């Protein structure tokens, strides 16, 4: 099976892709394109999958970081690569042609950024914690540090868990309400077990930051098992582990 890559016209002409699980070498619960070395999948299979992604993006390798649900951003250039460094961060930016930035997810938001005119790109892992703590705004700030203009920036949220599948508890709501009472609009359903709109919240943070355009590709990771891995789906099924999707952007 060939790789399936979701793209967004808004990021054109910058090369990018939100990869689905199709076309990979992994098997079992990881069946498909599992790109997470942090999973219990065979490292050889993950290596093959990552090589296929790199080849599809026209690079020797895709740079990734050790994601920890933070608001930390690192700048990646051709002299200081992130991969294999053990750097703990949840976003990367670059103004170096040929450097491919990769984000791993399995329900959280993979967000790809570009200012094509300035030649600056970014990639962020934005789960609820990272988004609440400001990882998206930190990525925008770091891109401006490389010469980008937020008014020209485009950000696209890739496949993520949708609101109808993201049930949370009351303590979760409290964190968002404490940050901003208006955040309650991102919750729906019964007050004791509401449903959270993660992509909607991500779009709100991006637009409030003043970037030129922001959108979501409108694919739910939980609902579409054939195409996407999902941490929550695996948890509900009491599966031992789950695969990681990869989203990549490069100049």
Protein backbone atom coordinates (compact mmCIF):
# COMPACT_ATOMS: atom_id res chain seq x y z
CA UNK A 1 0.00 0.00 0.00
CA UNK A 2 1.33 3.45 -0.91
CA UNK A 3 1.65 6.28 1.56
CA UNK A 4 -1.38 8.52 2.01
CA UNK A 5 -0.53 12.18 2.57
CA UNK A 6 -3.07 14.87 3.43
CA UNK A 7 -2.12 18.36 2.29
CA UNK A 8 -3.65 21.81 2.65
CA UNK A 9 -3.89 24.36 -0.14
CA UNK A 10 -3.38 27.11 2.43
CA UNK A 11 0.25 25.99 2.98
CA UNK A 12 1.08 25.92 -0.73
CA UNK A 13 3.72 26.23 -2.19
CA UNK A 14 5.59 25.02 0.92
CA UNK A 15 6.15 21.27 0.88
CA UNK A 16 4.29 19.52 3.69
CA UNK A 17 2.17 16.53 4.57
CA UNK A 18 -0.04 15.09 7.29
CA UNK A 19 0.71 11.38 6.89
CA UNK A 20 -1.97 8.82 7.68
CA UNK A 21 -1.18 5.29 8.93
CA UNK A 22 -1.46 3.83 5.44
CA UNK A 23 1.59 2.49 3.64
CA UNK A 24 3.80 1.49 6.54
CA UNK A 25 5.76 -1.60 7.57
CA UNK A 26 4.42 -2.04 11.12
CA UNK A 27 2.03 -4.81 12.15
CA UNK A 28 -0.38 -5.71 14.96
CA UNK A 29 -1.86 -2.74 16.82
CA UNK A 30 0.74 -0.61 15.03
CA UNK A 31 -0.31 -1.79 11.57
CA UNK A 32 0.75 0.82 9.05
CA UNK A 33 3.03 3.84 9.20
CA UNK A 34 3.90 4.02 12.89
CA UNK A 35 6.66 6.64 13.23
CA UNK A 36 7.04 6.61 17.00
CA UNK A 37 10.28 5.22 18.40
CA UNK A 38 8.68 5.84 21.78
CA UNK A 39 6.18 3.06 21.13
CA UNK A 40 6.85 -0.63 21.80
CA UNK A 41 6.81 -1.35 18.07
CA UNK A 42 9.87 -2.97 16.50
CA UNK A 43 12.48 -0.28 16.00
CA UNK A 44 13.34 -1.70 12.59
CA UNK A 45 9.77 -1.20 11.41
CA UNK A 46 9.65 2.36 12.76
CA UNK A 47 12.96 3.07 11.03
CA UNK A 48 11.58 1.82 7.72
CA UNK A 49 8.47 3.95 8.17
CA UNK A 50 10.46 7.07 8.90
CA UNK A 51 12.69 6.43 5.90
CA UNK A 52 9.60 6.20 3.70
CA UNK A 53 8.36 9.53 5.07
CA UNK A 54 11.74 11.18 4.49
CA UNK A 55 11.83 9.86 0.94
CA UNK A 56 8.32 11.19 0.29
CA UNK A 57 9.44 14.61 1.55
CA UNK A 58 12.63 14.55 -0.52
CA UNK A 59 15.05 14.62 2.44
CA UNK A 60 17.53 12.25 4.05
CA UNK A 61 15.75 12.41 7.39
CA UNK A 62 12.97 14.16 9.26
CA UNK A 63 13.91 16.07 12.40
CA UNK A 64 11.91 15.34 15.55
CA UNK A 65 12.21 16.14 19.26
CA UNK A 66 11.32 14.39 22.51
CA UNK A 67 7.78 15.72 22.95
CA UNK A 68 6.72 16.40 26.56
CA UNK A 69 3.51 18.51 26.28
CA UNK A 70 5.41 21.75 26.87
CA UNK A 71 5.49 25.18 25.26
CA UNK A 72 9.19 24.85 24.40
CA UNK A 73 10.30 25.65 20.84
CA UNK A 74 13.68 24.91 19.26
CA UNK A 75 15.24 26.33 16.11
CA UNK A 76 16.63 23.71 13.73
CA UNK A 77 19.21 24.45 11.04
CA UNK A 78 21.64 22.38 9.01
CA UNK A 79 24.36 22.57 11.65
CA UNK A 80 22.31 21.61 14.70
CA UNK A 81 19.77 18.89 13.95
CA UNK A 82 17.21 17.92 16.55
CA UNK A 83 16.85 14.22 15.77
CA UNK A 84 18.66 11.92 18.16
CA UNK A 85 19.64 14.79 20.42
CA UNK A 86 17.11 14.03 23.14
CA UNK A 87 15.99 17.65 23.16
CA UNK A 88 12.74 18.00 25.09
CA UNK A 89 10.41 20.35 23.22
CA UNK A 90 7.07 20.41 21.46
CA UNK A 91 7.70 22.71 18.52
CA UNK A 92 10.40 23.46 15.99
CA UNK A 93 11.05 26.28 13.56
CA UNK A 94 13.49 26.63 10.69
CA UNK A 95 14.55 28.97 7.92
CA UNK A 96 16.95 26.46 6.38
CA UNK A 97 16.01 24.89 3.02
CA UNK A 98 16.02 21.12 3.10
CA UNK A 99 15.37 20.79 6.84
CA UNK A 100 12.18 18.80 7.44
CA UNK A 101 10.36 19.28 10.74
CA UNK A 102 8.27 16.38 12.01
CA UNK A 103 5.63 16.21 14.75
CA UNK A 104 4.24 12.97 16.18
CA UNK A 105 0.63 12.68 17.35
CA UNK A 106 -2.15 10.22 18.14
CA UNK A 107 -5.11 12.54 18.95
CA UNK A 108 -3.25 15.77 19.83
CA UNK A 109 -3.04 18.53 17.25
CA UNK A 110 -0.16 18.53 14.76
CA UNK A 111 0.09 22.14 13.60
CA UNK A 112 2.17 23.14 10.58
CA UNK A 113 3.10 26.80 10.03
CA UNK A 114 4.57 28.70 7.08
CA UNK A 115 5.47 32.19 5.96
CA UNK A 116 6.36 31.31 2.39
CA UNK A 117 7.50 34.84 1.52
CA UNK A 118 9.99 34.98 4.39
CA UNK A 119 11.05 31.36 3.96
CA UNK A 120 10.26 30.28 7.52
CA UNK A 121 8.35 27.19 8.65
CA UNK A 122 7.26 25.72 11.96
CA UNK A 123 5.69 22.58 13.39
CA UNK A 124 4.02 22.18 16.79
CA UNK A 125 2.59 19.38 18.90
CA UNK A 126 -0.42 20.90 20.64
CA UNK A 127 -2.38 18.72 23.00
CA UNK A 128 -4.68 20.41 25.48
CA UNK A 129 -1.84 21.11 27.91
CA UNK A 130 0.56 22.53 25.34
CA UNK A 131 -2.15 24.64 23.73
CA UNK A 132 -3.26 25.98 27.12
CA UNK A 133 0.35 26.78 28.07
CA UNK A 134 1.01 28.67 24.82
CA UNK A 135 2.97 26.39 22.49
CA UNK A 136 1.22 27.80 19.43
CA UNK A 137 2.01 31.41 20.32
CA UNK A 138 5.58 30.42 21.22
CA UNK A 139 5.99 28.89 17.76
CA UNK A 140 4.73 32.08 16.13
CA UNK A 141 7.15 34.16 18.21
CA UNK A 142 10.07 31.89 17.28
CA UNK A 143 9.20 32.16 13.59
CA UNK A 144 9.16 35.95 13.88
CA UNK A 145 12.62 35.66 15.38
CA UNK A 146 13.72 34.13 12.08
CA UNK A 147 12.21 36.94 10.04
CA UNK A 148 8.62 35.80 9.52
CA UNK A 149 5.62 38.12 9.74
CA UNK A 150 2.66 36.80 11.71
CA UNK A 151 0.29 38.64 9.41
CA UNK A 152 1.53 36.48 6.52
CA UNK A 153 1.70 33.23 8.50
CA UNK A 154 -0.59 30.34 7.70
CA UNK A 155 -1.20 27.56 10.21
CA UNK A 156 -3.01 24.31 9.52
CA UNK A 157 -4.14 21.86 12.20
CA UNK A 158 -3.88 18.28 11.00
CA UNK A 159 -5.88 15.18 11.97
CA UNK A 160 -6.86 15.45 15.64
CA UNK A 161 -9.50 14.09 17.98
CA UNK A 162 -12.84 15.81 17.38
CA UNK A 163 -15.16 17.18 20.04
CA UNK A 164 -17.73 14.38 19.74
CA UNK A 165 -15.08 11.86 20.82
CA UNK A 166 -13.26 13.88 23.48
CA UNK A 167 -15.07 13.44 26.78
CA UNK A 168 -13.37 15.05 29.78
CA UNK A 169 -13.93 15.50 33.51
CA UNK A 170 -14.92 18.55 35.59
CA UNK A 171 -11.35 19.21 36.77
CA UNK A 172 -10.36 19.60 33.13
CA UNK A 173 -12.94 22.37 32.62
CA UNK A 174 -11.67 24.14 35.72
CA UNK A 175 -8.19 24.60 34.26
CA UNK A 176 -9.55 26.24 31.14
CA UNK A 177 -12.06 28.40 33.00
CA UNK A 178 -9.33 29.62 35.34
CA UNK A 179 -7.25 30.69 32.34
CA UNK A 180 -10.17 32.47 30.63
CA UNK A 181 -13.89 32.13 31.46
CA UNK A 182 -14.67 32.43 27.75
CA UNK A 183 -13.01 29.04 27.23
CA UNK A 184 -16.22 27.43 28.46
CA UNK A 185 -17.57 27.80 24.92
CA UNK A 186 -15.26 24.99 23.84
CA UNK A 187 -17.16 22.51 26.02
CA UNK A 188 -20.52 20.92 25.26
CA UNK A 189 -22.76 18.37 26.92
CA UNK A 190 -23.33 17.52 30.60
CA UNK A 191 -21.33 19.57 33.08
CA UNK A 192 -19.93 16.50 34.84
CA UNK A 193 -18.65 14.83 31.65
CA UNK A 194 -18.52 17.43 28.83
CA UNK A 195 -16.91 17.13 25.41
CA UNK A 196 -13.94 19.37 24.58
CA UNK A 197 -13.36 20.95 21.18
CA UNK A 198 -9.57 20.69 20.89
CA UNK A 199 -9.27 21.85 17.23
CA UNK A 200 -11.70 24.69 17.91
CA UNK A 201 -9.58 25.81 20.85
CA UNK A 202 -6.43 25.56 18.75
CA UNK A 203 -7.96 27.72 16.02
CA UNK A 204 -9.03 30.25 18.65
CA UNK A 205 -5.49 30.54 20.02
CA UNK A 206 -3.99 30.86 16.54
CA UNK A 207 -6.45 33.51 15.38
CA UNK A 208 -6.18 35.46 18.63
CA UNK A 209 -2.41 35.57 18.07
CA UNK A 210 -3.04 37.52 14.88
CA UNK A 211 -1.75 35.21 12.17
CA UNK A 212 -2.89 35.61 8.57
CA UNK A 213 -4.92 32.39 8.32
CA UNK A 214 -5.65 29.26 10.33
CA UNK A 215 -7.68 26.15 9.51
CA UNK A 216 -8.26 22.52 10.51
CA UNK A 217 -8.23 19.70 7.95
CA UNK A 218 -11.34 18.26 9.69
CA UNK A 219 -10.18 14.66 10.08
CA UNK A 220 -10.87 12.95 13.42
CA UNK A 221 -8.19 10.51 14.58
CA UNK A 222 -10.51 8.65 16.96
CA UNK A 223 -13.32 8.11 14.45
CA UNK A 224 -11.29 6.86 11.47
CA UNK A 225 -9.35 3.77 12.56
CA UNK A 226 -8.41 2.79 9.02
CA UNK A 227 -6.44 6.00 8.51
CA UNK A 228 -5.33 7.23 11.93
CA UNK A 229 -3.87 6.08 15.23
CA UNK A 230 -5.63 7.22 18.40
CA UNK A 231 -4.37 7.11 21.98
CA UNK A 232 -7.90 7.43 23.34
CA UNK A 233 -9.30 4.69 21.13
CA UNK A 234 -6.48 2.36 22.18
CA UNK A 235 -7.14 3.21 25.83
CA UNK A 236 -10.87 2.51 25.52
CA UNK A 237 -10.06 -0.88 24.00
CA UNK A 238 -7.43 -1.59 26.67
CA UNK A 239 -4.80 -2.16 23.99
CA UNK A 240 -1.20 -2.36 25.18
CA UNK A 241 0.08 0.48 23.00
CA UNK A 242 -0.70 2.65 19.98
CA UNK A 243 1.02 4.03 16.90
CA UNK A 244 2.09 7.61 16.23
CA UNK A 245 1.22 9.60 13.15
CA UNK A 246 3.73 12.04 11.67
CA UNK A 247 3.18 15.47 10.12
CA UNK A 248 6.03 17.16 8.27
CA UNK A 249 6.88 20.52 6.72
CA UNK A 250 10.04 21.74 4.95
CA UNK A 251 11.31 24.58 2.79
